[in-house]
């Protein structure tokens, strides 16, 4: 008899990272789907799809979150408004 252990993915809950920006309020990232959720001051929320983890890391570590967002994320990935 041979026993095979099944591999399971642990559930990882995205955690919103508050951003110090005049336009962006927070960023949330789901590494399994590559979905980056951006909340803007004023209440608008957008999901950007198939965003690599490196882009999320770049955004949260940038000296200017807004500038990074406009240069590397906005208009580079498919997105939809969710709120």
N, C-alpha and C. Protein backbone atom coordinates (compact mmCIF):
# COMPACT_ATOMS: atom_id res chain seq x y z
N UNK A 1 0.84 -1.18 0.00
CA UNK A 1 0.00 0.00 0.00
C UNK A 1 0.89 1.24 0.00
N UNK A 2 0.57 2.17 -0.86
CA UNK A 2 1.34 3.40 -0.95
C UNK A 2 0.44 4.57 -0.56
N UNK A 3 0.92 5.41 0.34
CA UNK A 3 0.15 6.56 0.79
C UNK A 3 0.74 7.82 0.14
N UNK A 4 -0.12 8.57 -0.49
CA UNK A 4 0.31 9.79 -1.15
C UNK A 4 -0.31 10.97 -0.41
N UNK A 5 0.53 11.87 0.02
CA UNK A 5 0.03 13.06 0.72
C UNK A 5 -0.45 14.08 -0.31
N UNK A 6 -1.61 14.60 -0.08
CA UNK A 6 -2.16 15.63 -0.97
C UNK A 6 -1.62 16.99 -0.58
N UNK A 7 -1.26 17.75 -1.56
CA UNK A 7 -0.82 19.12 -1.33
C UNK A 7 -2.03 20.04 -1.35
N UNK A 8 -2.09 20.90 -0.39
CA UNK A 8 -3.18 21.88 -0.37
C UNK A 8 -2.60 23.27 -0.24
N UNK A 9 -3.29 24.21 -0.86
CA UNK A 9 -2.89 25.60 -0.72
C UNK A 9 -3.53 26.15 0.55
N UNK A 10 -2.75 26.86 1.32
CA UNK A 10 -3.30 27.51 2.49
C UNK A 10 -4.10 28.71 2.05
N UNK A 11 -5.19 28.97 2.72
CA UNK A 11 -5.98 30.15 2.40
C UNK A 11 -5.23 31.37 2.90
N UNK A 12 -4.99 32.29 2.01
CA UNK A 12 -4.32 33.53 2.37
C UNK A 12 -5.31 34.66 2.15
N UNK A 13 -5.61 35.37 3.19
CA UNK A 13 -6.52 36.50 3.08
C UNK A 13 -5.72 37.74 2.74
N UNK A 14 -6.10 38.43 1.68
CA UNK A 14 -5.42 39.67 1.37
C UNK A 14 -5.60 40.67 2.52
N UNK A 15 -4.58 41.44 2.75
CA UNK A 15 -4.63 42.46 3.79
C UNK A 15 -4.37 43.80 3.15
N UNK A 16 -5.27 44.72 3.37
CA UNK A 16 -5.14 46.04 2.75
C UNK A 16 -3.94 46.78 3.33
N UNK A 17 -3.15 47.36 2.45
CA UNK A 17 -2.01 48.18 2.83
C UNK A 17 -2.43 49.63 2.65
N UNK A 18 -2.46 50.38 3.73
CA UNK A 18 -2.80 51.80 3.63
C UNK A 18 -1.66 52.51 2.92
N UNK A 19 -2.01 53.41 2.00
CA UNK A 19 -1.01 54.12 1.22
C UNK A 19 -1.01 55.60 1.59
N UNK A 20 0.17 56.14 1.66
CA UNK A 20 0.34 57.56 1.95
C UNK A 20 0.36 58.31 0.62
N UNK A 21 -0.83 58.64 0.13
CA UNK A 21 -0.96 59.25 -1.20
C UNK A 21 -2.12 60.22 -1.19
N UNK A 22 -2.02 61.23 -2.01
CA UNK A 22 -3.12 62.20 -2.10
C UNK A 22 -4.30 61.64 -2.90
N UNK A 23 -4.08 60.57 -3.67
CA UNK A 23 -5.13 60.01 -4.51
C UNK A 23 -5.51 58.58 -4.12
N UNK A 24 -4.54 57.77 -3.75
CA UNK A 24 -4.77 56.36 -3.43
C UNK A 24 -4.92 56.19 -1.93
N UNK A 25 -5.94 55.43 -1.54
CA UNK A 25 -6.18 55.20 -0.12
C UNK A 25 -5.53 53.91 0.37
N UNK A 26 -5.75 52.81 -0.38
CA UNK A 26 -5.19 51.52 0.04
C UNK A 26 -5.03 50.59 -1.16
N UNK A 27 -4.21 49.57 -0.95
CA UNK A 27 -3.99 48.54 -1.96
C UNK A 27 -4.12 47.18 -1.29
N UNK A 28 -4.78 46.27 -1.97
CA UNK A 28 -4.99 44.90 -1.51
C UNK A 28 -4.53 43.99 -2.65
N UNK A 29 -3.86 42.89 -2.35
CA UNK A 29 -3.36 42.02 -3.42
C UNK A 29 -3.64 40.56 -3.09
N UNK A 30 -4.20 39.85 -4.05
CA UNK A 30 -4.43 38.41 -3.93
C UNK A 30 -3.40 37.71 -4.83
N UNK A 31 -2.38 37.09 -4.24
CA UNK A 31 -1.33 36.47 -5.05
C UNK A 31 -1.79 35.28 -5.87
N UNK A 32 -2.88 34.62 -5.47
CA UNK A 32 -3.35 33.44 -6.20
C UNK A 32 -4.00 33.83 -7.52
N UNK A 33 -4.72 34.95 -7.52
CA UNK A 33 -5.39 35.37 -8.76
C UNK A 33 -4.66 36.51 -9.46
N UNK A 34 -3.73 37.15 -8.76
CA UNK A 34 -3.05 38.31 -9.33
C UNK A 34 -3.94 39.54 -9.37
N UNK A 35 -4.95 39.58 -8.49
CA UNK A 35 -5.86 40.71 -8.47
C UNK A 35 -5.38 41.77 -7.48
N UNK A 36 -5.17 42.96 -8.00
CA UNK A 36 -4.78 44.11 -7.19
C UNK A 36 -6.00 45.00 -7.05
N UNK A 37 -6.41 45.25 -5.82
CA UNK A 37 -7.56 46.10 -5.55
C UNK A 37 -7.06 47.43 -5.01
N UNK A 38 -7.42 48.49 -5.69
CA UNK A 38 -7.00 49.84 -5.30
C UNK A 38 -8.23 50.62 -4.86
N UNK A 39 -8.16 51.19 -3.66
CA UNK A 39 -9.22 52.07 -3.17
C UNK A 39 -8.69 53.51 -3.25
N UNK A 40 -9.52 54.38 -3.78
CA UNK A 40 -9.16 55.78 -3.93
C UNK A 40 -9.87 56.60 -2.86
N UNK A 41 -9.26 57.72 -2.50
CA UNK A 41 -9.94 58.65 -1.61
C UNK A 41 -11.21 59.08 -2.34
N UNK A 42 -12.31 59.14 -1.63
CA UNK A 42 -13.58 59.46 -2.26
C UNK A 42 -14.45 58.23 -2.46
N UNK A 43 -13.88 57.02 -2.26
CA UNK A 43 -14.69 55.81 -2.26
C UNK A 43 -14.64 54.92 -3.48
N UNK A 44 -14.06 55.36 -4.59
CA UNK A 44 -13.98 54.48 -5.76
C UNK A 44 -13.00 53.34 -5.48
N UNK A 45 -13.38 52.14 -5.95
CA UNK A 45 -12.53 50.96 -5.79
C UNK A 45 -12.46 50.25 -7.13
N UNK A 46 -11.25 49.91 -7.54
CA UNK A 46 -11.02 49.20 -8.81
C UNK A 46 -10.21 47.94 -8.55
N UNK A 47 -10.51 46.90 -9.34
CA UNK A 47 -9.71 45.68 -9.35
C UNK A 47 -8.92 45.64 -10.65
N UNK A 48 -7.63 45.41 -10.53
CA UNK A 48 -6.73 45.26 -11.68
C UNK A 48 -6.35 43.79 -11.74
N UNK A 49 -6.49 43.17 -12.91
CA UNK A 49 -6.35 41.73 -13.05
C UNK A 49 -5.01 41.31 -13.66
N UNK A 50 -4.54 40.15 -13.19
CA UNK A 50 -3.29 39.53 -13.69
C UNK A 50 -2.08 40.43 -13.45
N UNK A 51 -2.05 41.04 -12.28
CA UNK A 51 -0.93 41.91 -11.90
C UNK A 51 0.12 41.05 -11.21
N UNK A 52 1.36 41.09 -11.68
CA UNK A 52 2.42 40.30 -11.04
C UNK A 52 2.69 40.81 -9.62
N UNK A 53 3.13 39.90 -8.77
CA UNK A 53 3.47 40.25 -7.40
C UNK A 53 4.52 41.37 -7.34
N UNK A 54 5.45 41.36 -8.30
CA UNK A 54 6.50 42.39 -8.32
C UNK A 54 5.91 43.79 -8.48
N UNK A 55 4.81 43.91 -9.22
CA UNK A 55 4.17 45.22 -9.38
C UNK A 55 3.53 45.68 -8.07
N UNK A 56 2.89 44.75 -7.36
CA UNK A 56 2.32 45.10 -6.06
C UNK A 56 3.43 45.53 -5.11
N UNK A 57 4.51 44.77 -5.06
CA UNK A 57 5.64 45.13 -4.19
C UNK A 57 6.20 46.49 -4.56
N UNK A 58 6.31 46.73 -5.86
CA UNK A 58 6.81 48.03 -6.31
C UNK A 58 5.90 49.16 -5.87
N UNK A 59 4.60 48.94 -5.95
CA UNK A 59 3.63 49.97 -5.55
C UNK A 59 3.74 50.30 -4.07
N UNK A 60 3.71 49.29 -3.22
CA UNK A 60 3.70 49.56 -1.78
C UNK A 60 5.05 50.04 -1.27
N UNK A 61 6.13 49.79 -2.01
CA UNK A 61 7.46 50.24 -1.60
C UNK A 61 7.92 51.51 -2.29
N UNK A 62 7.11 52.04 -3.19
CA UNK A 62 7.49 53.24 -3.94
C UNK A 62 7.51 54.47 -3.05
N UNK A 63 8.39 55.39 -3.36
CA UNK A 63 8.42 56.64 -2.60
C UNK A 63 7.19 57.49 -2.93
N UNK A 64 6.64 57.32 -4.13
CA UNK A 64 5.39 57.97 -4.50
C UNK A 64 4.44 56.91 -5.04
N UNK A 65 3.46 56.52 -4.22
CA UNK A 65 2.52 55.47 -4.62
C UNK A 65 1.71 55.89 -5.85
N UNK A 66 1.27 57.13 -5.87
CA UNK A 66 0.48 57.62 -6.99
C UNK A 66 1.26 57.63 -8.29
N UNK A 67 2.50 58.09 -8.24
CA UNK A 67 3.33 58.13 -9.43
C UNK A 67 3.59 56.71 -9.94
N UNK A 68 3.88 55.78 -9.04
CA UNK A 68 4.11 54.39 -9.44
C UNK A 68 2.85 53.81 -10.08
N UNK A 69 1.70 54.06 -9.46
CA UNK A 69 0.44 53.56 -9.99
C UNK A 69 0.21 54.07 -11.41
N UNK A 70 0.39 55.36 -11.62
CA UNK A 70 0.15 55.94 -12.95
C UNK A 70 1.15 55.46 -13.99
N UNK A 71 2.38 55.24 -13.58
CA UNK A 71 3.42 54.84 -14.52
C UNK A 71 3.40 53.35 -14.86
N UNK A 72 3.10 52.49 -13.88
CA UNK A 72 3.27 51.05 -14.08
C UNK A 72 2.00 50.21 -14.04
N UNK A 73 0.91 50.75 -13.49
CA UNK A 73 -0.30 49.92 -13.32
C UNK A 73 -1.47 50.45 -14.14
N UNK A 74 -1.83 51.70 -13.96
CA UNK A 74 -2.98 52.27 -14.67
C UNK A 74 -2.75 52.14 -16.18
N UNK A 75 -3.75 51.68 -16.86
CA UNK A 75 -3.73 51.49 -18.32
C UNK A 75 -2.76 50.40 -18.79
N UNK A 76 -2.21 49.61 -17.85
CA UNK A 76 -1.34 48.49 -18.23
C UNK A 76 -2.01 47.14 -17.99
N UNK A 77 -3.07 47.13 -17.18
CA UNK A 77 -3.76 45.88 -16.84
C UNK A 77 -5.26 46.06 -17.01
N UNK A 78 -5.94 44.96 -17.33
CA UNK A 78 -7.40 44.99 -17.39
C UNK A 78 -7.92 45.32 -16.00
N UNK A 79 -9.00 46.09 -15.95
CA UNK A 79 -9.54 46.48 -14.65
C UNK A 79 -11.06 46.62 -14.74
N UNK A 80 -11.65 46.66 -13.56
CA UNK A 80 -13.09 46.93 -13.47
C UNK A 80 -13.35 47.68 -12.17
N UNK A 81 -14.33 48.57 -12.24
CA UNK A 81 -14.74 49.30 -11.04
C UNK A 81 -15.65 48.39 -10.24
N UNK A 82 -15.39 48.26 -8.94
CA UNK A 82 -16.20 47.39 -8.09
C UNK A 82 -16.96 48.18 -7.02
N UNK A 83 -16.64 49.43 -6.84
CA UNK A 83 -17.37 50.27 -5.88
C UNK A 83 -17.14 51.73 -6.21
